[in-house]
C-alpha atoms as a PDB file:
ATOM      1  CA  MET A   1    -188.247-120.762  25.760  1.00  0.00           C
ATOM      2  CA  PRO A   2    -184.551-120.705  24.719  1.00  0.00           C
ATOM      3  CA  ASP A   3    -183.675-118.926  21.490  1.00  0.00           C
ATOM      4  CA  ALA A   4    -181.776-120.564  18.606  1.00  0.00           C
ATOM      5  CA  SER A   5    -178.347-119.470  19.848  1.00  0.00           C
ATOM      6  CA  ASP A   6    -178.948-120.950  23.302  1.00  0.00           C
ATOM      7  CA  ILE A   7    -180.181-124.213  21.778  1.00  0.00           C
ATOM      8  CA  ILE A   8    -177.154-124.455  19.502  1.00  0.00           C
ATOM      9  CA  ALA A   9    -174.628-123.496  22.179  1.00  0.00           C
ATOM     10  CA  GLY A  10    -176.086-126.154  24.460  1.00  0.00           C
ATOM     11  CA  LEU A  11    -175.495-129.038  22.068  1.00  0.00           C
ATOM     12  CA  GLY A  12    -172.994-131.566  23.343  1.00  0.00           C
ATOM     13  CA  CYS A  13    -171.068-131.950  20.091  1.00  0.00           C
ATOM     14  CA  TRP A  14    -168.783-128.904  20.259  1.00  0.00           C
ATOM     15  CA  SER A  15    -165.107-128.649  21.162  1.00  0.00           C
ATOM     16  CA  GLY A  16    -164.414-125.545  23.222  1.00  0.00           C
ATOM     17  CA  ARG A  17    -166.125-122.210  22.797  1.00  0.00           C
ATOM     18  CA  VAL A  18    -168.377-121.588  19.813  1.00  0.00           C
ATOM     19  CA  THR A  19    -169.316-118.643  17.641  1.00  0.00           C
ATOM     20  CA  ILE A  20    -172.716-118.738  15.967  1.00  0.00           C
ATOM     21  CA  ALA A  21    -173.878-116.816  12.908  1.00  0.00           C
ATOM     22  CA  PRO A  22    -177.080-117.187  10.880  1.00  0.00           C
ATOM     23  CA  LEU A  23    -176.855-118.339   7.274  1.00  0.00           C
ATOM     24  CA  ALA A  24    -179.035-116.785   4.604  1.00  0.00           C
ATOM     25  CA  GLY A  25    -181.624-118.798   2.705  1.00  0.00           C
ATOM     26  CA  GLY A  26    -183.891-121.631   3.646  1.00  0.00           C
ATOM     27  CA  LEU A  27    -187.685-121.584   3.747  1.00  0.00           C
ATOM     28  CA  THR A  28    -188.145-124.777   5.764  1.00  0.00           C
ATOM     29  CA  ASN A  29    -185.242-124.480   8.231  1.00  0.00           C
ATOM     30  CA  ARG A  30    -183.248-121.962  10.193  1.00  0.00           C
ATOM     31  CA  ASN A  31    -179.583-122.417   9.282  1.00  0.00           C
ATOM     32  CA  TYR A  32    -176.489-121.357  11.197  1.00  0.00           C
ATOM     33  CA  ARG A  33    -172.738-121.548  10.866  1.00  0.00           C
ATOM     34  CA  VAL A  34    -170.988-122.610  14.052  1.00  0.00           C
ATOM     35  CA  ASP A  35    -167.225-122.425  14.569  1.00  0.00           C
ATOM     36  CA  ASP A  36    -165.539-124.302  17.392  1.00  0.00           C
ATOM     37  CA  ALA A  37    -162.005-125.446  18.195  1.00  0.00           C
ATOM     38  CA  ILE A  38    -161.971-128.119  15.488  1.00  0.00           C
ATOM     39  CA  GLY A  39    -163.598-126.344  12.582  1.00  0.00           C
ATOM     40  CA  ALA A  40    -166.764-124.998  10.993  1.00  0.00           C
ATOM     41  CA  HIS A  41    -170.178-126.637  11.002  1.00  0.00           C
ATOM     42  CA  VAL A  42    -173.721-126.028   9.771  1.00  0.00           C
ATOM     43  CA  VAL A  43    -176.686-126.401  12.112  1.00  0.00           C
ATOM     44  CA  ARG A  44    -180.161-126.839  10.638  1.00  0.00           C
ATOM     45  CA  LEU A  45    -183.074-126.263  13.001  1.00  0.00           C
ATOM     46  CA  GLY A  46    -186.449-127.499  11.824  1.00  0.00           C
ATOM     47  CA  ALA A  47    -189.305-129.675  13.006  1.00  0.00           C
ATOM     48  CA  ASP A  48    -191.438-131.946  10.840  1.00  0.00           C
ATOM     49  CA  ILE A  49    -193.642-130.088   8.349  1.00  0.00           C
ATOM     50  CA  PRO A  50    -196.324-132.663   7.479  1.00  0.00           C
ATOM     51  CA  HIS A  51    -198.290-130.331   5.191  1.00  0.00           C
ATOM     52  CA  HIS A  52    -195.175-130.168   2.978  1.00  0.00           C
ATOM     53  CA  HIS A  53    -194.356-133.878   3.402  1.00  0.00           C
ATOM     54  CA  ILE A  54    -191.138-133.036   5.267  1.00  0.00           C
ATOM     55  CA  LEU A  55    -190.283-135.581   7.945  1.00  0.00           C
ATOM     56  CA  ARG A  56    -186.918-135.153   9.580  1.00  0.00           C
ATOM     57  CA  PHE A  57    -186.163-138.868  10.003  1.00  0.00           C
ATOM     58  CA  ASN A  58    -186.208-139.050   6.207  1.00  0.00           C
ATOM     59  CA  GLU A  59    -183.981-135.975   5.806  1.00  0.00           C
ATOM     60  CA  LEU A  60    -181.485-137.523   8.243  1.00  0.00           C
ATOM     61  CA  ALA A  61    -181.430-140.883   6.440  1.00  0.00           C
ATOM     62  CA  ALA A  62    -180.875-139.177   3.091  1.00  0.00           C
ATOM     63  CA  SER A  63    -178.212-136.842   4.523  1.00  0.00           C
ATOM     64  CA  ARG A  64    -176.278-139.776   5.937  1.00  0.00           C
ATOM     65  CA  ALA A  65    -176.547-141.719   2.687  1.00  0.00           C
ATOM     66  CA  ALA A  66    -175.416-138.687   0.680  1.00  0.00           C
ATOM     67  CA  ALA A  67    -172.418-138.249   2.969  1.00  0.00           C
ATOM     68  CA  ALA A  68    -171.508-141.943   2.706  1.00  0.00           C
ATOM     69  CA  ALA A  69    -171.659-141.640  -1.087  1.00  0.00           C
ATOM     70  CA  GLY A  70    -169.402-138.553  -1.021  1.00  0.00           C
ATOM     71  CA  ILE A  71    -172.163-136.298  -2.358  1.00  0.00           C
ATOM     72  CA  SER A  72    -172.857-134.198   0.739  1.00  0.00           C
ATOM     73  CA  PRO A  73    -170.785-133.235   3.809  1.00  0.00           C
ATOM     74  CA  GLU A  74    -170.816-135.662   6.701  1.00  0.00           C
ATOM     75  CA  VAL A  75    -173.442-135.620   9.424  1.00  0.00           C
ATOM     76  CA  GLU A  76    -171.754-134.818  12.732  1.00  0.00           C
ATOM     77  CA  HIS A  77    -174.708-134.755  15.115  1.00  0.00           C
ATOM     78  CA  ALA A  78    -178.462-135.228  15.027  1.00  0.00           C
ATOM     79  CA  GLU A  79    -181.325-135.062  17.481  1.00  0.00           C
ATOM     80  CA  PRO A  80    -185.008-134.218  17.058  1.00  0.00           C
ATOM     81  CA  GLY A  81    -185.296-130.962  15.129  1.00  0.00           C
ATOM     82  CA  ILE A  82    -181.530-130.482  14.852  1.00  0.00           C
ATOM     83  CA  LEU A  83    -179.032-131.591  12.209  1.00  0.00           C
ATOM     84  CA  VAL A  84    -175.316-130.720  12.337  1.00  0.00           C
ATOM     85  CA  THR A  85    -173.086-131.225   9.302  1.00  0.00           C
ATOM     86  CA  ARG A  86    -169.589-130.194   8.357  1.00  0.00           C
ATOM     87  CA  PHE A  87    -169.377-126.741   6.784  1.00  0.00           C
ATOM     88  CA  VAL A  88    -168.156-126.719   3.181  1.00  0.00           C
ATOM     89  CA  ALA A  89    -166.372-123.530   2.125  1.00  0.00           C
ATOM     90  CA  GLY A  90    -167.086-122.700  -1.481  1.00  0.00           C
ATOM     91  CA  GLU A  91    -169.229-120.919  -4.025  1.00  0.00           C
ATOM     92  CA  THR A  92    -172.975-121.426  -3.875  1.00  0.00           C
ATOM     93  CA  LEU A  93    -174.072-121.811  -7.471  1.00  0.00           C
ATOM     94  CA  THR A  94    -176.458-119.501  -9.272  1.00  0.00           C
ATOM     95  CA  PRO A  95    -178.717-120.606 -12.136  1.00  0.00           C
ATOM     96  CA  GLU A  96    -176.169-119.154 -14.555  1.00  0.00           C
ATOM     97  CA  ARG A  97    -173.387-121.197 -12.948  1.00  0.00           C
ATOM     98  CA  VAL A  98    -175.524-124.340 -13.037  1.00  0.00           C
ATOM     99  CA  ARG A  99    -176.005-123.889 -16.787  1.00  0.00           C
ATOM    100  CA  LEU A 100    -172.297-123.243 -17.335  1.00  0.00           C
ATOM    101  CA  GLN A 101    -171.372-126.329 -15.311  1.00  0.00           C
ATOM    102  CA  ALA A 102    -174.231-128.504 -16.546  1.00  0.00           C
ATOM    103  CA  PRO A 103    -172.083-131.616 -17.266  1.00  0.00           C
ATOM    104  CA  ARG A 104    -170.626-131.559 -13.729  1.00  0.00           C
ATOM    105  CA  VAL A 105    -174.017-130.899 -12.174  1.00  0.00           C
ATOM    106  CA  LEU A 106    -175.669-133.675 -14.162  1.00  0.00           C
ATOM    107  CA  ALA A 107    -172.923-136.133 -13.227  1.00  0.00           C
ATOM    108  CA  LEU A 108    -173.585-135.398  -9.551  1.00  0.00           C
ATOM    109  CA  VAL A 109    -177.341-135.843 -10.006  1.00  0.00           C
ATOM    110  CA  ARG A 110    -176.731-139.212 -11.658  1.00  0.00           C
ATOM    111  CA  ARG A 111    -174.675-140.241  -8.628  1.00  0.00           C
ATOM    112  CA  VAL A 112    -177.572-139.308  -6.351  1.00  0.00           C
ATOM    113  CA  HIS A 113    -179.878-141.520  -8.377  1.00  0.00           C
ATOM    114  CA  ARG A 114    -177.508-144.459  -8.823  1.00  0.00           C
ATOM    115  CA  GLU A 115    -175.208-144.547  -5.804  1.00  0.00           C
ATOM    116  CA  MET A 116    -177.140-143.243  -2.824  1.00  0.00           C
ATOM    117  CA  PRO A 117    -179.645-146.120  -2.472  1.00  0.00           C
ATOM    118  CA  ALA A 118    -176.847-148.515  -1.518  1.00  0.00           C
ATOM    119  CA  HIS A 119    -176.063-146.299   1.493  1.00  0.00           C
ATOM    120  CA  LEU A 120    -179.598-145.802   2.795  1.00  0.00           C
ATOM    121  CA  ARG A 121    -180.496-147.295   6.156  1.00  0.00           C
ATOM    122  CA  GLY A 122    -183.930-147.587   7.728  1.00  0.00           C
ATOM    123  CA  PRO A 123    -187.274-146.399   6.340  1.00  0.00           C
ATOM    124  CA  VAL A 124    -187.238-143.770   3.588  1.00  0.00           C
ATOM    125  CA  LEU A 125    -190.117-141.946   1.913  1.00  0.00           C
ATOM    126  CA  ALA A 126    -191.247-141.911  -1.691  1.00  0.00           C
ATOM    127  CA  PHE A 127    -191.855-138.560  -3.361  1.00  0.00           C
ATOM    128  CA  TRP A 128    -194.589-138.903  -5.981  1.00  0.00           C
ATOM    129  CA  VAL A 129    -195.455-135.419  -7.137  1.00  0.00           C
ATOM    130  CA  PHE A 130    -199.005-136.314  -8.124  1.00  0.00           C
ATOM    131  CA  HIS A 131    -199.829-137.547  -4.634  1.00  0.00           C
ATOM    132  CA  VAL A 132    -198.321-134.325  -3.272  1.00  0.00           C
ATOM    133  CA  LEU A 133    -200.503-132.274  -5.617  1.00  0.00           C
ATOM    134  CA  ARG A 134    -203.670-134.092  -4.590  1.00  0.00           C
ATOM    135  CA  ASP A 135    -202.793-133.621  -0.928  1.00  0.00           C
ATOM    136  CA  TYR A 136    -202.090-129.920  -1.460  1.00  0.00           C
ATOM    137  CA  ALA A 137    -205.475-129.541  -3.181  1.00  0.00           C
ATOM    138  CA  HIS A 138    -207.152-131.116  -0.149  1.00  0.00           C
ATOM    139  CA  ALA A 139    -205.288-128.716   2.165  1.00  0.00           C
ATOM    140  CA  LEU A 140    -206.388-125.769   0.023  1.00  0.00           C
ATOM    141  CA  GLU A 141    -210.103-126.605   0.046  1.00  0.00           C
ATOM    142  CA  GLY A 142    -211.992-123.542   1.228  1.00  0.00           C
ATOM    143  CA  ARG A 143    -208.878-121.408   0.807  1.00  0.00           C
ATOM    144  CA  ARG A 144    -208.791-121.225  -2.997  1.00  0.00           C
ATOM    145  CA  PRO A 145    -211.683-121.172  -5.482  1.00  0.00           C
ATOM    146  CA  ALA A 146    -213.072-124.668  -6.001  1.00  0.00           C
ATOM    147  CA  ALA A 147    -213.020-124.241  -9.781  1.00  0.00           C
ATOM    148  CA  GLU A 148    -209.343-123.294  -9.687  1.00  0.00           C
ATOM    149  CA  LEU A 149    -208.409-126.382  -7.667  1.00  0.00           C
ATOM    150  CA  ALA A 150    -210.521-128.653  -9.875  1.00  0.00           C
ATOM    151  CA  GLY A 151    -208.806-127.259 -12.956  1.00  0.00           C
ATOM    152  CA  LEU A 152    -205.329-127.771 -11.522  1.00  0.00           C
ATOM    153  CA  LEU A 153    -206.154-131.331 -10.462  1.00  0.00           C
ATOM    154  CA  ASP A 154    -207.541-132.114 -13.910  1.00  0.00           C
ATOM    155  CA  ARG A 155    -204.288-130.978 -15.490  1.00  0.00           C
ATOM    156  CA  ALA A 156    -202.301-132.948 -12.902  1.00  0.00           C
ATOM    157  CA  ALA A 157    -204.242-136.094 -13.843  1.00  0.00           C
ATOM    158  CA  GLN A 158    -203.463-135.555 -17.530  1.00  0.00           C
ATOM    159  CA  LEU A 159    -199.786-135.049 -16.722  1.00  0.00           C
ATOM    160  CA  GLU A 160    -199.675-138.175 -14.543  1.00  0.00           C
ATOM    161  CA  ALA A 161    -201.172-140.227 -17.364  1.00  0.00           C
ATOM    162  CA  ALA A 162    -198.608-138.808 -19.795  1.00  0.00           C
ATOM    163  CA  VAL A 163    -195.682-139.649 -17.493  1.00  0.00           C
ATOM    164  CA  GLY A 164    -196.765-143.289 -17.485  1.00  0.00           C
ATOM    165  CA  SER A 165    -194.561-146.024 -16.027  1.00  0.00           C
ATOM    166  CA  VAL A 166    -191.357-144.814 -14.421  1.00  0.00           C
ATOM    167  CA  GLU A 167    -187.915-145.997 -13.471  1.00  0.00           C
ATOM    168  CA  LEU A 168    -187.520-145.627  -9.709  1.00  0.00           C
ATOM    169  CA  VAL A 169    -184.424-143.877  -8.340  1.00  0.00           C
ATOM    170  CA  LEU A 170    -183.558-141.973  -5.176  1.00  0.00           C
ATOM    171  CA  GLY A 171    -184.297-138.341  -5.974  1.00  0.00           C
ATOM    172  CA  HIS A 172    -183.192-135.114  -4.332  1.00  0.00           C
ATOM    173  CA  ASN A 173    -186.409-133.459  -5.567  1.00  0.00           C
ATOM    174  CA  ASP A 174    -185.368-129.849  -4.886  1.00  0.00           C
ATOM    175  CA  LEU A 175    -182.574-129.035  -7.337  1.00  0.00           C
ATOM    176  CA  LEU A 176    -182.281-125.311  -6.781  1.00  0.00           C
ATOM    177  CA  ALA A 177    -178.986-123.684  -7.698  1.00  0.00           C
ATOM    178  CA  ALA A 178    -178.452-122.705  -4.046  1.00  0.00           C
ATOM    179  CA  ASN A 179    -178.263-126.374  -3.066  1.00  0.00           C
ATOM    180  CA  PHE A 180    -175.058-126.881  -5.099  1.00  0.00           C
ATOM    181  CA  ILE A 181    -171.710-125.812  -3.639  1.00  0.00           C
ATOM    182  CA  ASP A 182    -168.441-125.701  -5.603  1.00  0.00           C
ATOM    183  CA  ASP A 183    -165.417-125.887  -3.294  1.00  0.00           C
ATOM    184  CA  GLY A 184    -162.998-125.277  -6.169  1.00  0.00           C
ATOM    185  CA  GLN A 185    -162.281-128.963  -6.696  1.00  0.00           C
ATOM    186  CA  ARG A 186    -165.676-130.650  -6.671  1.00  0.00           C
ATOM    187  CA  LEU A 187    -169.400-130.106  -6.331  1.00  0.00           C
ATOM    188  CA  TRP A 188    -171.489-130.870  -3.267  1.00  0.00           C
ATOM    189  CA  LEU A 189    -175.272-131.187  -3.047  1.00  0.00           C
ATOM    190  CA  VAL A 190    -177.048-130.259   0.196  1.00  0.00           C
ATOM    191  CA  ASP A 191    -180.559-129.922   1.668  1.00  0.00           C
ATOM    192  CA  TRP A 192    -182.362-133.275   1.670  1.00  0.00           C
ATOM    193  CA  ASP A 193    -185.756-132.127   3.004  1.00  0.00           C
ATOM    194  CA  TYR A 194    -187.659-133.586   0.050  1.00  0.00           C
ATOM    195  CA  ALA A 195    -185.510-136.619  -0.734  1.00  0.00           C
ATOM    196  CA  GLY A 196    -187.348-139.792  -1.677  1.00  0.00           C
ATOM    197  CA  PHE A 197    -187.799-142.461  -4.299  1.00  0.00           C
ATOM    198  CA  ASN A 198    -189.080-140.947  -7.524  1.00  0.00           C
ATOM    199  CA  SER A 199    -188.684-140.863 -11.288  1.00  0.00           C
ATOM    200  CA  PRO A 200    -185.410-139.330 -12.499  1.00  0.00           C
ATOM    201  CA  LEU A 201    -187.540-137.162 -14.784  1.00  0.00           C
ATOM    202  CA  PHE A 202    -188.705-135.117 -11.776  1.00  0.00           C
ATOM    203  CA  ASP A 203    -185.153-134.124 -10.837  1.00  0.00           C
ATOM    204  CA  LEU A 204    -184.283-133.437 -14.478  1.00  0.00           C
ATOM    205  CA  GLY A 205    -187.387-131.304 -14.958  1.00  0.00           C
ATOM    206  CA  GLY A 206    -186.737-129.429 -11.732  1.00  0.00           C
ATOM    207  CA  LEU A 207    -183.072-128.905 -12.613  1.00  0.00           C
ATOM    208  CA  ALA A 208    -184.033-127.383 -15.964  1.00  0.00           C
ATOM    209  CA  SER A 209    -186.955-125.256 -14.760  1.00  0.00           C
ATOM    210  CA  ASN A 210    -185.218-123.992 -11.613  1.00  0.00           C
ATOM    211  CA  ASN A 211    -182.122-122.941 -13.522  1.00  0.00           C
ATOM    212  CA  GLY A 212    -183.475-121.520 -16.755  1.00  0.00           C
ATOM    213  CA  PHE A 213    -182.293-124.151 -19.220  1.00  0.00           C
ATOM    214  CA  SER A 214    -182.956-123.364 -22.876  1.00  0.00           C
ATOM    215  CA  PRO A 215    -184.645-126.016 -25.062  1.00  0.00           C
ATOM    216  CA  ALA A 216    -181.251-126.901 -26.527  1.00  0.00           C
ATOM    217  CA  GLU A 217    -179.766-127.257 -23.027  1.00  0.00           C
ATOM    218  CA  GLU A 218    -182.692-129.463 -21.984  1.00  0.00           C
ATOM    219  CA  GLU A 219    -182.191-131.709 -25.000  1.00  0.00           C
ATOM    220  CA  ALA A 220    -178.461-131.984 -24.260  1.00  0.00           C
ATOM    221  CA  MET A 221    -179.268-132.810 -20.621  1.00  0.00           C
ATOM    222  CA  LEU A 222    -181.628-135.636 -21.581  1.00  0.00           C
ATOM    223  CA  ASP A 223    -179.199-137.060 -24.132  1.00  0.00           C
ATOM    224  CA  ALA A 224    -176.335-136.959 -21.622  1.00  0.00           C
ATOM    225  CA  TYR A 225    -178.330-138.422 -18.732  1.00  0.00           C
ATOM    226  CA  PHE A 226    -179.709-141.375 -20.680  1.00  0.00           C
ATOM    227  CA  GLY A 227    -176.655-141.870 -22.886  1.00  0.00           C
ATOM    228  CA  VAL A 228    -178.649-141.899 -26.136  1.00  0.00           C
ATOM    229  CA  PRO A 229    -180.590-139.280 -28.118  1.00  0.00           C
ATOM    230  CA  ALA A 230    -183.949-138.711 -26.436  1.00  0.00           C
ATOM    231  CA  MET A 231    -186.813-140.125 -28.492  1.00  0.00           C
ATOM    232  CA  PRO A 232    -190.129-138.229 -28.836  1.00  0.00           C
ATOM    233  CA  ASP A 233    -191.900-140.389 -26.224  1.00  0.00           C
ATOM    234  CA  LEU A 234    -189.222-139.659 -23.622  1.00  0.00           C
ATOM    235  CA  ARG A 235    -189.259-135.953 -24.426  1.00  0.00           C
ATOM    236  CA  ARG A 236    -193.040-135.862 -23.952  1.00  0.00           C
ATOM    237  CA  ARG A 237    -192.882-137.739 -20.630  1.00  0.00           C
ATOM    238  CA  TYR A 238    -190.126-135.397 -19.521  1.00  0.00           C
ATOM    239  CA  ALA A 239    -192.194-132.335 -20.504  1.00  0.00           C
ATOM    240  CA  ALA A 240    -195.106-133.690 -18.472  1.00  0.00           C
ATOM    241  CA  MET A 241    -192.929-134.139 -15.401  1.00  0.00           C
ATOM    242  CA  LYS A 242    -191.335-130.723 -15.832  1.00  0.00           C
ATOM    243  CA  ALA A 243    -194.782-129.114 -15.923  1.00  0.00           C
ATOM    244  CA  SER A 244    -195.732-131.159 -12.847  1.00  0.00           C
ATOM    245  CA  SER A 245    -192.689-129.896 -10.955  1.00  0.00           C
ATOM    246  CA  LEU A 246    -193.773-126.324 -11.650  1.00  0.00           C
ATOM    247  CA  LEU A 247    -197.339-127.078 -10.583  1.00  0.00           C
ATOM    248  CA  ARG A 248    -196.000-128.545  -7.372  1.00  0.00           C
ATOM    249  CA  GLU A 249    -193.950-125.385  -6.726  1.00  0.00           C
ATOM    250  CA  THR A 250    -197.082-123.306  -7.346  1.00  0.00           C
ATOM    251  CA  MET A 251    -199.236-125.304  -4.943  1.00  0.00           C
ATOM    252  CA  TRP A 252    -196.379-125.521  -2.414  1.00  0.00           C
ATOM    253  CA  SER A 253    -196.452-121.733  -2.342  1.00  0.00           C
ATOM    254  CA  MET A 254    -200.252-121.652  -2.054  1.00  0.00           C
ATOM    255  CA  VAL A 255    -200.047-123.899   1.012  1.00  0.00           C
ATOM    256  CA  SER A 256    -197.171-121.828   2.405  1.00  0.00           C
ATOM    257  CA  GLU A 257    -199.344-118.724   2.145  1.00  0.00           C
ATOM    258  CA  ILE A 258    -201.562-120.389   4.755  1.00  0.00           C
ATOM    259  CA  HIS A 259    -199.020-121.975   7.075  1.00  0.00           C
ATOM    260  CA  SER A 260    -195.679-120.162   6.893  1.00  0.00           C
ATOM    261  CA  THR A 261    -194.713-117.507   9.432  1.00  0.00           C
ATOM    262  CA  LEU A 262    -191.626-116.403   7.461  1.00  0.00           C
ATOM    263  CA  ASP A 263    -191.373-112.862   6.119  1.00  0.00           C
ATOM    264  CA  PHE A 264    -191.627-113.877   2.463  1.00  0.00           C
ATOM    265  CA  ASP A 265    -194.001-112.784  -0.304  1.00  0.00           C
ATOM    266  CA  TYR A 266    -195.599-116.156  -1.004  1.00  0.00           C
ATOM    267  CA  ALA A 267    -198.467-114.597  -2.946  1.00  0.00           C
ATOM    268  CA  ALA A 268    -196.031-113.141  -5.477  1.00  0.00           C
ATOM    269  CA  TYR A 269    -194.136-116.443  -5.574  1.00  0.00           C
ATOM    270  CA  THR A 270    -197.409-118.264  -6.260  1.00  0.00           C
ATOM    271  CA  ASP A 271    -198.211-115.925  -9.140  1.00  0.00           C
ATOM    272  CA  GLU A 272    -194.705-116.266 -10.607  1.00  0.00           C
ATOM    273  CA  ASN A 273    -194.778-120.054 -10.541  1.00  0.00           C
ATOM    274  CA  LEU A 274    -198.327-120.224 -11.838  1.00  0.00           C
ATOM    275  CA  ARG A 275    -197.212-118.233 -14.883  1.00  0.00           C
ATOM    276  CA  ARG A 276    -194.272-120.569 -15.367  1.00  0.00           C
ATOM    277  CA  PHE A 277    -196.525-123.612 -15.031  1.00  0.00           C
ATOM    278  CA  GLU A 278    -198.953-122.215 -17.606  1.00  0.00           C
ATOM    279  CA  SER A 279    -196.052-121.788 -20.029  1.00  0.00           C
ATOM    280  CA  ALA A 280    -194.806-125.338 -19.419  1.00  0.00           C
ATOM    281  CA  TRP A 281    -198.356-126.676 -19.759  1.00  0.00           C
ATOM    282  CA  ASP A 282    -198.707-124.923 -23.116  1.00  0.00           C
ATOM    283  CA  ASP A 283    -195.384-126.415 -24.254  1.00  0.00           C
ATOM    284  CA  PHE A 284    -196.572-129.869 -23.207  1.00  0.00           C
ATOM    285  CA  GLN A 285    -199.913-129.430 -24.953  1.00  0.00           C
ATOM    286  CA  ARG A 286    -198.181-128.568 -28.224  1.00  0.00           C
ATOM    287  CA  MET A 287    -196.143-131.799 -28.226  1.00  0.00           C
ATOM    288  CA  PRO A 288    -197.354-134.618 -30.508  1.00  0.00           C
END
């Protein structure tokens, strides 16, 4: 079976000789930088991952829409299990940089929600975190204590009820700092594995929890996103979705403990995110 370098070198989209180097990061893909006669490119290798609700046709549709909207670099080539995009030279953000550049980051997230749907073509998935949680619980049956799963699902049901009716937007649904790139003039957003129609509150909750926003920074984010001071009902629905995003990260890691072959300490990651979920759950429970 050919290795990654042979697969990449054999693609028909290059001009002249290529150099190939792995890129760090990525728990659902293998990523490489490829340089040829016309420039630099990124190659993502990854098959469908149904147990994580990752289907590559959906990633491709979202990547193309993001490029058409000027949010992500253009797609240069695609075939089953392979996605080639233009390489963007710049600084990959850290959580600290996300917080410092919160207005710019939030403006880009709003563009994802508002502008990308007009550029989508073909079928696209929804990403409803509570369905994902129920599916993860089913996958974990016999692998985790039944009482633990029942308790997590009970909390998920309470959170879903608290979220209530939602506005539907196109969400990125994985707003880690490492998915933002600053090229010195503008921000780019990459990695559309989990893209799908969702409530904007999921992206906002994930943005805050993934990047260590303080309560004051969260309040400023909500006020800026919605254009008016956030009322108590909105803050409570947001808190419910933020807690749900952390529960999803916890159960994502539990499932990854079973399925992933990567050299990564998923057990420790599960414990870390479970602690963070418990804290967010307590915050939600204290809200009127």
